[in-house]
Amino acid sequence: MGSSNLPKWNTLIDGVLALEFSPTTMEQAYAIAQMPHARTSNSLLSPHFHWTYYDEEQVWGDVVWCMEYSCANIDITFPNTNTLCVVDSSKSPLLHHMTDMINITNTLNESAICSIRIFRNATSPLDTLETGALLLEYDIHYENIFYGNTDLSG
């Protein structure tokens, strides 16, 4: 099955690219995350977005980043999806922004799978940045049974 409304790769700086999410059209990307064997079962998952933007006119505003997800342990049916969003304010073009953590309580064990749709909710009245938002990275922090908090990059 194909996907529509995918963000486009655009230049971040020189020859380096990032996914650019439109300020007017709902665009989405997808990720799969497997819970690591060293993750503490049932511990909090804390996904977040790393992003930036560029604009010659020094435009400021807010971006609404969202994730829709469904997670299942082995031998368990995937449930209906949940959607969680976070609003982050732009501070300066080409500044590395990091959104607040989205905290998810769960009953996931090692090797559980999460199927994830990440998107900028450009149609939300809370999304006021009038330029493209460049996604640098999306990752999920979790508690590691050996080392405490760590992250699962996606």
Protein backbone atom coordinates (compact mmCIF):
# COMPACT_ATOMS: atom_id res chain seq x y z
CA MET A 1 0.00 0.00 0.00
CA GLY A 2 1.45 3.38 -1.01
CA SER A 3 1.63 6.58 0.98
CA SER A 4 0.58 10.09 0.11
CA ASN A 5 1.48 13.48 1.50
CA LEU A 6 5.08 12.57 2.22
CA PRO A 7 7.41 15.42 3.21
CA LYS A 8 10.11 16.33 0.70
CA TRP A 9 13.85 16.18 1.25
CA ASN A 10 15.19 19.74 1.22
CA THR A 11 18.58 21.29 1.85
CA LEU A 12 19.36 21.93 5.49
CA ILE A 13 22.77 23.44 4.88
CA ASP A 14 25.26 22.91 2.03
CA GLY A 15 24.91 19.24 0.92
CA VAL A 16 23.03 18.01 4.00
CA LEU A 17 19.30 17.27 3.71
CA ALA A 18 16.35 17.09 6.11
CA LEU A 19 12.67 16.24 5.70
CA GLU A 20 10.70 19.46 5.21
CA PHE A 21 7.11 19.46 6.48
CA SER A 22 4.80 21.99 4.79
CA PRO A 23 3.24 24.91 6.71
CA THR A 24 -0.08 24.45 4.87
CA THR A 25 -0.47 20.77 3.91
CA MET A 26 -0.68 17.77 6.22
CA GLU A 27 2.44 15.69 5.53
CA GLN A 28 3.56 12.54 7.28
CA ALA A 29 6.44 10.09 7.64
CA TYR A 30 6.53 6.63 9.16
CA ALA A 31 8.69 4.70 11.61
CA ILE A 32 8.80 1.28 13.23
CA ALA A 33 10.30 0.86 16.70
CA GLN A 34 11.07 -2.45 18.40
CA MET A 35 11.41 -2.32 22.16
CA PRO A 36 15.01 -3.24 23.00
CA HIS A 37 15.78 -6.29 25.13
CA ALA A 38 17.58 -4.03 27.60
CA ARG A 39 14.53 -1.77 28.08
CA THR A 40 12.81 -2.02 31.46
CA SER A 41 9.43 -3.61 30.68
CA ASN A 42 6.42 -1.32 31.14
CA SER A 43 8.65 1.73 31.68
CA LEU A 44 7.72 5.16 30.36
CA LEU A 45 8.37 5.89 26.67
CA SER A 46 9.26 9.51 25.89
CA PRO A 47 9.33 10.36 22.17
CA HIS A 48 10.23 13.81 20.89
CA PHE A 49 11.23 15.69 17.75
CA HIS A 50 14.48 17.46 16.79
CA TRP A 51 13.84 20.11 14.17
CA THR A 52 14.73 23.47 12.69
CA TYR A 53 13.55 25.87 10.00
CA TYR A 54 14.99 28.55 7.80
CA ASP A 55 13.53 31.80 6.63
CA GLU A 56 15.28 34.88 5.29
CA GLU A 57 12.64 37.14 6.86
CA GLN A 58 13.17 35.78 10.42
CA VAL A 59 9.62 34.37 10.72
CA TRP A 60 8.62 33.03 14.15
CA GLY A 61 5.71 30.87 15.20
CA ASP A 62 4.69 27.54 16.68
CA VAL A 63 4.85 24.06 15.16
CA VAL A 64 2.49 21.23 16.16
CA TRP A 65 4.36 17.90 15.93
CA CYS A 66 2.27 14.75 16.35
CA MET A 67 2.62 11.00 16.45
CA GLU A 68 -0.07 8.42 15.84
CA TYR A 69 0.92 4.98 17.04
CA SER A 70 -0.12 1.44 17.81
CA CYS A 71 2.09 -0.92 19.83
CA ALA A 72 1.77 -4.62 20.57
CA ASN A 73 3.67 -7.24 22.52
CA ILE A 74 4.44 -10.55 20.80
CA ASP A 75 1.28 -12.68 20.37
CA ILE A 76 -0.98 -9.67 21.07
CA THR A 77 -3.26 -7.98 18.50
CA PHE A 78 -2.38 -4.37 17.63
CA PRO A 79 -4.93 -2.03 19.26
CA ASN A 80 -6.49 1.07 17.74
CA THR A 81 -4.08 3.96 17.37
CA ASN A 82 -3.49 6.81 19.79
CA THR A 83 -2.48 10.29 18.64
CA LEU A 84 -0.41 12.63 20.82
CA CYS A 85 0.86 16.10 19.90
CA VAL A 86 3.28 18.66 21.24
CA VAL A 87 3.54 22.37 20.39
CA ASP A 88 7.01 23.92 20.11
CA SER A 89 7.93 27.56 19.48
CA SER A 90 10.48 28.52 16.86
CA LYS A 91 13.30 30.57 18.28
CA SER A 92 15.69 31.25 15.41
CA PRO A 93 16.28 29.95 11.87
CA LEU A 94 18.71 26.99 11.69
CA LEU A 95 18.67 26.65 15.50
CA HIS A 96 18.48 23.02 16.65
CA HIS A 97 15.07 22.84 18.38
CA MET A 98 13.96 19.90 20.54
CA THR A 99 10.31 19.50 21.53
CA ASP A 100 9.16 18.54 24.99
CA MET A 101 8.91 14.82 25.63
CA ILE A 102 5.59 13.07 24.95
CA ASN A 103 5.26 10.67 27.89
CA ILE A 104 3.54 7.35 27.17
CA THR A 105 2.70 4.85 29.89
CA ASN A 106 2.45 1.30 28.60
CA THR A 107 2.64 -2.43 29.26
CA LEU A 108 5.18 -3.19 26.53
CA ASN A 109 7.81 -5.90 26.97
CA GLU A 110 11.04 -6.57 25.10
CA SER A 111 10.57 -7.05 21.33
CA ALA A 112 7.18 -5.31 21.33
CA ILE A 113 6.65 -3.37 18.09
CA CYS A 114 5.31 0.15 17.66
CA SER A 115 4.11 1.28 14.25
CA ILE A 116 4.29 5.08 14.15
CA ARG A 117 3.10 7.89 11.92
CA ILE A 118 4.82 11.22 12.60
CA PHE A 119 3.43 14.44 11.20
CA ARG A 120 3.24 18.19 11.45
CA ASN A 121 -0.38 19.19 12.07
CA ALA A 122 -0.25 22.18 9.73
CA THR A 123 -4.06 22.47 9.80
CA SER A 124 -4.16 23.08 13.56
CA PRO A 125 -4.86 26.67 14.63
CA LEU A 126 -1.97 26.22 17.08
CA ASP A 127 0.50 25.70 14.18
CA THR A 128 1.48 29.27 13.28
CA LEU A 129 4.99 28.96 11.74
CA GLU A 130 4.45 30.11 8.16
CA THR A 131 7.43 28.27 6.70
CA GLY A 132 8.50 24.65 6.34
CA ALA A 133 9.70 22.81 9.44
CA LEU A 134 12.77 20.61 8.85
CA LEU A 135 12.71 17.36 10.83
CA LEU A 136 16.27 16.55 11.91
CA GLU A 137 15.46 13.43 13.92
CA TYR A 138 12.75 11.68 15.91
CA ASP A 139 13.65 9.42 18.82
CA ILE A 140 12.20 7.73 21.86
CA HIS A 141 13.81 7.82 25.30
CA TYR A 142 13.25 4.84 27.59
CA GLU A 143 14.59 3.28 30.79
CA ASN A 144 17.45 0.83 30.21
CA ILE A 145 17.69 -2.00 32.77
CA PHE A 146 21.48 -1.56 32.93
CA TYR A 147 22.10 2.16 32.42
CA GLY A 148 18.94 4.06 33.39
CA ASN A 149 17.53 6.44 30.78
CA THR A 150 18.68 6.16 27.18
CA ASP A 151 17.08 6.59 23.75
CA LEU A 152 15.83 4.62 20.77
CA SER A 153 16.63 6.62 17.65
CA GLY A 154 14.19 6.36 14.78
